[in-house]
Amino acid sequence: MLKVSKKLAMAGSSIISSFYNNWGKTSPVMPSEVEQAECFWYFDSSKAITELGFAPRDSQETLQDTIAYLRRNFLGEGVFD
């Protein structure tokens, strides 16, 4: 993956978008999308697993426990059954 600065990415997407707009076409890269792409963060738990012994739970199990907690503490039993 090629890494470029935000300024360069924004400038490039603006130029590409201008060309496409002049040709009456939709740009494949919109400046607003490039700006928002910076906001997505991805995390890796491998260091926590290795150094701290972290044991992540199954996402389905976690979701079921979360729903049960919300029903029990905020919504009441029988909601959405």
Protein backbone atom coordinates (compact mmCIF):
# COMPACT_ATOMS: atom_id res chain seq x y z
CA MET A 1 0.00 0.00 0.00
CA LEU A 2 1.29 3.43 -0.93
CA LYS A 3 1.27 5.90 1.95
CA VAL A 4 0.98 9.60 1.17
CA SER A 5 0.36 12.68 3.29
CA LYS A 6 -3.16 13.94 3.81
CA LYS A 7 -2.38 17.15 1.91
CA LEU A 8 -1.10 15.24 -1.11
CA ALA A 9 -4.05 12.83 -1.05
CA MET A 10 -6.54 15.71 -0.81
CA ALA A 11 -4.84 17.62 -3.62
CA GLY A 12 -4.71 14.54 -5.84
CA SER A 13 -8.36 13.69 -5.26
CA SER A 14 -9.37 17.30 -5.97
CA ILE A 15 -7.46 17.28 -9.27
CA ILE A 16 -8.92 13.93 -10.31
CA SER A 17 -12.40 15.07 -9.31
CA SER A 18 -12.01 18.27 -11.37
CA PHE A 19 -11.00 16.32 -14.47
CA TYR A 20 -13.96 13.98 -14.15
CA ASN A 21 -16.37 16.87 -13.52
CA ASN A 22 -15.11 18.65 -16.65
CA TRP A 23 -15.81 15.47 -18.65
CA GLY A 24 -19.30 15.21 -17.15
CA LYS A 25 -18.50 12.03 -15.25
CA THR A 26 -18.52 10.99 -11.62
CA SER A 27 -15.09 10.91 -10.02
CA PRO A 28 -13.99 7.56 -8.60
CA VAL A 29 -12.23 9.44 -5.79
CA MET A 30 -14.07 12.23 -4.02
CA PRO A 31 -12.09 14.65 -1.81
CA SER A 32 -14.62 14.18 1.02
CA GLU A 33 -14.08 10.41 0.91
CA VAL A 34 -10.31 10.85 1.07
CA GLU A 35 -10.70 13.13 4.07
CA GLN A 36 -12.99 10.64 5.84
CA ALA A 37 -10.66 7.72 5.10
CA GLU A 38 -8.25 9.20 7.60
CA CYS A 39 -10.87 8.70 10.34
CA PHE A 40 -11.00 4.90 10.11
CA TRP A 41 -8.75 3.27 12.67
CA TYR A 42 -8.01 -0.40 12.83
CA PHE A 43 -6.64 -2.07 15.91
CA ASP A 44 -4.73 -5.28 16.37
CA SER A 45 -5.03 -7.12 19.67
CA SER A 46 -2.00 -9.36 19.13
CA LYS A 47 0.21 -7.32 21.48
CA ALA A 48 -2.40 -7.46 24.25
CA ILE A 49 -2.74 -11.21 23.69
CA THR A 50 1.02 -11.77 23.74
CA GLU A 51 2.07 -9.43 26.53
CA LEU A 52 -1.00 -9.30 28.77
CA GLY A 53 -2.63 -12.65 28.16
CA PHE A 54 -5.77 -11.00 26.80
CA ALA A 55 -8.31 -13.56 25.62
CA PRO A 56 -10.91 -11.95 23.33
CA ARG A 57 -14.37 -13.48 23.44
CA ASP A 58 -16.44 -14.57 20.49
CA SER A 59 -18.22 -11.53 19.06
CA GLN A 60 -21.60 -13.31 18.92
CA GLU A 61 -21.34 -14.27 22.60
CA THR A 62 -20.37 -10.70 23.52
CA LEU A 63 -23.28 -9.26 21.55
CA GLN A 64 -25.77 -11.63 23.21
CA ASP A 65 -24.46 -10.68 26.66
CA THR A 66 -24.69 -6.98 25.80
CA ILE A 67 -28.30 -7.31 24.62
CA ALA A 68 -29.22 -9.27 27.75
CA TYR A 69 -27.62 -6.59 29.95
CA LEU A 70 -29.45 -3.77 28.17
CA ARG A 71 -32.78 -5.57 28.41
CA ARG A 72 -32.25 -6.38 32.09
CA ASN A 73 -31.04 -2.92 33.16
CA PHE A 74 -32.69 -0.47 30.79
CA LEU A 75 -35.51 -1.96 28.73
CA GLY A 76 -37.11 -4.59 30.92
CA GLU A 77 -37.62 -8.29 30.26
CA GLY A 78 -39.66 -9.38 27.26
CA VAL A 79 -38.73 -6.42 25.09
CA PHE A 80 -38.16 -7.42 21.45
CA ASP A 81 -38.91 -11.11 22.10
